[in-house]
N, C-alpha and C. Protein backbone atom coordinates (compact mmCIF):
# COMPACT_ATOMS: atom_id res chain seq x y z
N UNK A 1 -8.58 -79.03 -91.91
CA UNK A 1 -9.42 -77.86 -92.08
C UNK A 1 -8.71 -76.92 -93.06
N UNK A 2 -9.46 -76.38 -93.98
CA UNK A 2 -8.85 -75.51 -94.98
C UNK A 2 -8.60 -74.12 -94.40
N UNK A 3 -7.70 -73.44 -95.04
CA UNK A 3 -7.34 -72.08 -94.64
C UNK A 3 -8.55 -71.16 -94.69
N UNK A 4 -9.37 -71.28 -95.73
CA UNK A 4 -10.52 -70.38 -95.86
C UNK A 4 -11.56 -70.63 -94.79
N UNK A 5 -11.66 -71.86 -94.30
CA UNK A 5 -12.60 -72.15 -93.21
C UNK A 5 -12.02 -71.62 -91.90
N UNK A 6 -10.74 -71.89 -91.68
CA UNK A 6 -10.09 -71.47 -90.42
C UNK A 6 -10.12 -69.94 -90.27
N UNK A 7 -9.88 -69.22 -91.37
CA UNK A 7 -9.81 -67.75 -91.32
C UNK A 7 -11.04 -67.08 -91.92
N UNK A 8 -12.15 -67.77 -91.89
CA UNK A 8 -13.37 -67.29 -92.55
C UNK A 8 -13.74 -65.86 -92.15
N UNK A 9 -13.79 -65.58 -90.86
CA UNK A 9 -14.23 -64.25 -90.40
C UNK A 9 -13.29 -63.15 -90.89
N UNK A 10 -12.00 -63.41 -90.83
CA UNK A 10 -11.01 -62.44 -91.30
C UNK A 10 -11.18 -62.19 -92.80
N UNK A 11 -11.37 -63.25 -93.56
CA UNK A 11 -11.54 -63.12 -95.00
C UNK A 11 -12.85 -62.41 -95.34
N UNK A 12 -13.91 -62.76 -94.62
CA UNK A 12 -15.19 -62.08 -94.86
C UNK A 12 -15.12 -60.60 -94.53
N UNK A 13 -14.36 -60.25 -93.51
CA UNK A 13 -14.18 -58.84 -93.17
C UNK A 13 -13.51 -58.10 -94.34
N UNK A 14 -12.51 -58.73 -94.93
CA UNK A 14 -11.85 -58.14 -96.10
C UNK A 14 -12.83 -57.97 -97.26
N UNK A 15 -13.64 -59.00 -97.49
CA UNK A 15 -14.61 -58.95 -98.58
C UNK A 15 -15.62 -57.82 -98.35
N UNK A 16 -16.04 -57.64 -97.14
CA UNK A 16 -16.99 -56.56 -96.83
C UNK A 16 -16.37 -55.18 -97.06
N UNK A 17 -15.08 -55.05 -96.74
CA UNK A 17 -14.41 -53.78 -97.02
C UNK A 17 -14.31 -53.55 -98.53
N UNK A 18 -14.03 -54.62 -99.26
CA UNK A 18 -13.94 -54.52 -100.72
C UNK A 18 -15.30 -54.12 -101.29
N UNK A 19 -16.36 -54.72 -100.77
CA UNK A 19 -17.71 -54.37 -101.21
C UNK A 19 -17.97 -52.88 -101.01
N UNK A 20 -17.54 -52.36 -99.88
CA UNK A 20 -17.70 -50.92 -99.62
C UNK A 20 -16.91 -50.08 -100.62
N UNK A 21 -15.73 -50.54 -100.97
CA UNK A 21 -14.93 -49.81 -101.96
C UNK A 21 -15.60 -49.83 -103.33
N UNK A 22 -16.14 -50.98 -103.71
CA UNK A 22 -16.82 -51.08 -105.01
C UNK A 22 -18.06 -50.19 -105.01
N UNK A 23 -18.76 -50.15 -103.90
CA UNK A 23 -19.91 -49.25 -103.80
C UNK A 23 -19.45 -47.80 -103.92
N UNK A 24 -18.25 -47.50 -103.44
CA UNK A 24 -17.69 -46.16 -103.61
C UNK A 24 -17.45 -45.82 -105.07
N UNK A 25 -17.05 -46.80 -105.87
CA UNK A 25 -16.89 -46.58 -107.31
C UNK A 25 -18.25 -46.26 -107.92
N UNK A 26 -19.26 -47.02 -107.53
CA UNK A 26 -20.60 -46.77 -108.05
C UNK A 26 -21.08 -45.37 -107.69
N UNK A 27 -20.87 -44.98 -106.44
CA UNK A 27 -21.29 -43.63 -106.01
C UNK A 27 -20.55 -42.56 -106.80
N UNK A 28 -19.24 -42.77 -106.99
CA UNK A 28 -18.45 -41.78 -107.73
C UNK A 28 -18.97 -41.62 -109.16
N UNK A 29 -19.36 -42.72 -109.78
CA UNK A 29 -19.90 -42.66 -111.13
C UNK A 29 -21.27 -41.96 -111.14
N UNK A 30 -22.11 -42.31 -110.17
CA UNK A 30 -23.43 -41.69 -110.09
C UNK A 30 -23.35 -40.19 -109.81
N UNK A 31 -22.34 -39.78 -109.07
CA UNK A 31 -22.17 -38.38 -108.70
C UNK A 31 -21.31 -37.60 -109.70
N UNK A 32 -20.98 -38.24 -110.82
CA UNK A 32 -20.18 -37.59 -111.87
C UNK A 32 -18.86 -37.04 -111.35
N UNK A 33 -18.19 -37.83 -110.52
CA UNK A 33 -16.88 -37.42 -110.00
C UNK A 33 -15.87 -37.38 -111.15
N UNK A 34 -14.78 -36.70 -110.91
CA UNK A 34 -13.72 -36.60 -111.91
C UNK A 34 -13.11 -37.98 -112.17
N UNK A 35 -12.67 -38.24 -113.40
CA UNK A 35 -12.06 -39.53 -113.72
C UNK A 35 -10.91 -39.90 -112.79
N UNK A 36 -10.10 -38.92 -112.38
CA UNK A 36 -8.98 -39.20 -111.49
C UNK A 36 -9.48 -39.82 -110.19
N UNK A 37 -10.54 -39.27 -109.63
CA UNK A 37 -11.11 -39.79 -108.38
C UNK A 37 -11.63 -41.21 -108.58
N UNK A 38 -12.32 -41.43 -109.69
CA UNK A 38 -12.87 -42.75 -109.98
C UNK A 38 -11.73 -43.76 -110.14
N UNK A 39 -10.69 -43.39 -110.87
CA UNK A 39 -9.57 -44.29 -111.08
C UNK A 39 -8.84 -44.61 -109.78
N UNK A 40 -8.72 -43.62 -108.91
CA UNK A 40 -8.10 -43.88 -107.60
C UNK A 40 -8.91 -44.91 -106.82
N UNK A 41 -10.21 -44.79 -106.87
CA UNK A 41 -11.09 -45.71 -106.15
C UNK A 41 -11.01 -47.11 -106.74
N UNK A 42 -10.98 -47.18 -108.07
CA UNK A 42 -10.85 -48.48 -108.73
C UNK A 42 -9.51 -49.12 -108.38
N UNK A 43 -8.45 -48.31 -108.35
CA UNK A 43 -7.12 -48.83 -108.00
C UNK A 43 -7.12 -49.36 -106.57
N UNK A 44 -7.81 -48.70 -105.67
CA UNK A 44 -7.90 -49.18 -104.29
C UNK A 44 -8.63 -50.52 -104.24
N UNK A 45 -9.68 -50.66 -105.04
CA UNK A 45 -10.41 -51.94 -105.11
C UNK A 45 -9.49 -53.04 -105.63
N UNK A 46 -8.76 -52.74 -106.68
CA UNK A 46 -7.86 -53.73 -107.25
C UNK A 46 -6.81 -54.16 -106.22
N UNK A 47 -6.26 -53.19 -105.49
CA UNK A 47 -5.28 -53.51 -104.46
C UNK A 47 -5.86 -54.39 -103.37
N UNK A 48 -7.08 -54.08 -102.98
CA UNK A 48 -7.74 -54.87 -101.93
C UNK A 48 -8.03 -56.29 -102.42
N UNK A 49 -8.48 -56.44 -103.65
CA UNK A 49 -8.73 -57.77 -104.21
C UNK A 49 -7.44 -58.56 -104.34
N UNK A 50 -6.37 -57.90 -104.77
CA UNK A 50 -5.08 -58.57 -104.86
C UNK A 50 -4.60 -59.04 -103.49
N UNK A 51 -4.81 -58.20 -102.48
CA UNK A 51 -4.44 -58.59 -101.12
C UNK A 51 -5.21 -59.80 -100.64
N UNK A 52 -6.49 -59.85 -100.94
CA UNK A 52 -7.32 -61.00 -100.59
C UNK A 52 -6.82 -62.24 -101.31
N UNK A 53 -6.53 -62.09 -102.60
CA UNK A 53 -6.04 -63.22 -103.38
C UNK A 53 -4.71 -63.73 -102.83
N UNK A 54 -3.81 -62.83 -102.48
CA UNK A 54 -2.52 -63.23 -101.91
C UNK A 54 -2.69 -64.01 -100.62
N UNK A 55 -3.58 -63.53 -99.79
CA UNK A 55 -3.79 -64.20 -98.51
C UNK A 55 -4.33 -65.62 -98.71
N UNK A 56 -5.24 -65.78 -99.65
CA UNK A 56 -5.80 -67.10 -99.92
C UNK A 56 -4.75 -68.02 -100.54
N UNK A 57 -3.97 -67.48 -101.49
CA UNK A 57 -2.92 -68.29 -102.12
C UNK A 57 -1.89 -68.74 -101.09
N UNK A 58 -1.42 -67.81 -100.26
CA UNK A 58 -0.40 -68.17 -99.27
C UNK A 58 -0.93 -69.19 -98.28
N UNK A 59 -2.17 -69.01 -97.84
CA UNK A 59 -2.77 -69.99 -96.94
C UNK A 59 -2.86 -71.36 -97.58
N UNK A 60 -3.23 -71.38 -98.84
CA UNK A 60 -3.33 -72.65 -99.56
C UNK A 60 -1.97 -73.33 -99.65
N UNK A 61 -0.96 -72.57 -99.99
CA UNK A 61 0.39 -73.14 -100.10
C UNK A 61 0.84 -73.68 -98.75
N UNK A 62 0.70 -72.88 -97.72
CA UNK A 62 1.18 -73.31 -96.41
C UNK A 62 0.39 -74.49 -95.85
N UNK A 63 -0.88 -74.59 -96.19
CA UNK A 63 -1.71 -75.65 -95.61
C UNK A 63 -1.81 -76.89 -96.48
N UNK A 64 -1.77 -76.71 -97.80
CA UNK A 64 -2.03 -77.85 -98.68
C UNK A 64 -0.83 -78.30 -99.51
N UNK A 65 0.10 -77.40 -99.79
CA UNK A 65 1.28 -77.79 -100.55
C UNK A 65 2.33 -78.35 -99.60
N UNK A 66 2.55 -77.64 -98.51
CA UNK A 66 3.44 -78.18 -97.47
C UNK A 66 2.65 -79.18 -96.64
N UNK A 67 3.34 -80.03 -95.94
CA UNK A 67 2.67 -81.00 -95.07
C UNK A 67 2.17 -80.27 -93.83
N UNK A 68 0.85 -80.21 -93.69
CA UNK A 68 0.27 -79.45 -92.58
C UNK A 68 0.50 -80.10 -91.22
N UNK A 69 0.95 -81.35 -91.21
CA UNK A 69 1.14 -82.06 -89.95
C UNK A 69 2.56 -81.98 -89.42
N UNK A 70 3.44 -81.34 -90.17
CA UNK A 70 4.82 -81.19 -89.68
C UNK A 70 5.30 -79.77 -89.98
N UNK A 71 6.23 -79.34 -89.17
CA UNK A 71 6.79 -78.00 -89.35
C UNK A 71 7.65 -78.00 -90.61
N UNK A 72 7.46 -76.98 -91.48
CA UNK A 72 8.29 -76.94 -92.70
C UNK A 72 9.76 -76.72 -92.36
N UNK A 73 10.60 -77.29 -93.19
CA UNK A 73 12.04 -77.08 -93.01
C UNK A 73 12.36 -75.64 -93.36
N UNK A 74 13.54 -75.19 -92.99
CA UNK A 74 13.97 -73.83 -93.32
C UNK A 74 13.96 -73.62 -94.83
N UNK A 75 14.36 -74.65 -95.55
CA UNK A 75 14.40 -74.56 -97.02
C UNK A 75 12.98 -74.44 -97.59
N UNK A 76 12.04 -75.20 -97.06
CA UNK A 76 10.65 -75.11 -97.52
C UNK A 76 10.06 -73.75 -97.19
N UNK A 77 10.33 -73.26 -95.99
CA UNK A 77 9.82 -71.97 -95.58
C UNK A 77 10.38 -70.87 -96.47
N UNK A 78 11.65 -70.95 -96.80
CA UNK A 78 12.27 -69.97 -97.69
C UNK A 78 11.68 -70.07 -99.09
N UNK A 79 11.38 -71.29 -99.55
CA UNK A 79 10.79 -71.48 -100.88
C UNK A 79 9.40 -70.83 -100.95
N UNK A 80 8.61 -71.00 -99.89
CA UNK A 80 7.28 -70.37 -99.84
C UNK A 80 7.42 -68.86 -99.84
N UNK A 81 8.35 -68.34 -99.06
CA UNK A 81 8.58 -66.89 -99.01
C UNK A 81 8.98 -66.38 -100.39
N UNK A 82 9.87 -67.07 -101.07
CA UNK A 82 10.29 -66.66 -102.41
C UNK A 82 9.13 -66.70 -103.39
N UNK A 83 8.35 -67.78 -103.33
CA UNK A 83 7.19 -67.90 -104.21
C UNK A 83 6.20 -66.77 -104.00
N UNK A 84 5.94 -66.45 -102.74
CA UNK A 84 4.99 -65.38 -102.44
C UNK A 84 5.51 -64.02 -102.91
N UNK A 85 6.81 -63.79 -102.85
CA UNK A 85 7.38 -62.55 -103.38
C UNK A 85 7.13 -62.46 -104.88
N UNK A 86 7.29 -63.58 -105.58
CA UNK A 86 7.03 -63.60 -107.02
C UNK A 86 5.56 -63.31 -107.31
N UNK A 87 4.67 -63.96 -106.58
CA UNK A 87 3.24 -63.74 -106.79
C UNK A 87 2.87 -62.29 -106.48
N UNK A 88 3.41 -61.74 -105.40
CA UNK A 88 3.15 -60.33 -105.06
C UNK A 88 3.61 -59.39 -106.19
N UNK A 89 4.80 -59.66 -106.72
CA UNK A 89 5.32 -58.84 -107.82
C UNK A 89 4.42 -58.95 -109.04
N UNK A 90 3.93 -60.14 -109.31
CA UNK A 90 3.06 -60.36 -110.46
C UNK A 90 1.76 -59.59 -110.32
N UNK A 91 1.23 -59.51 -109.10
CA UNK A 91 -0.05 -58.86 -108.88
C UNK A 91 0.02 -57.33 -108.75
N UNK A 92 1.21 -56.80 -108.78
CA UNK A 92 1.32 -55.33 -108.69
C UNK A 92 0.92 -54.68 -109.97
């Protein structure tokens, strides 16, 4: 079973929150809000999308790159942790 199927409800909840944030950008534009306010809202959307992407990437690595039928070794677990730190830094 894939990570996205197993955690579907959790991921969909995140997507729905992101949708609300994007709708907030639309409202801010329609209401002629200050650029600072609009940019803050856009930045929040970007952060939420990056968080969703990280969760999907990490799930994919843990479920499909590592052997899902055996517990990862300490070295494999550390490698995944290091990789995810790199991906998180890249997405900032």
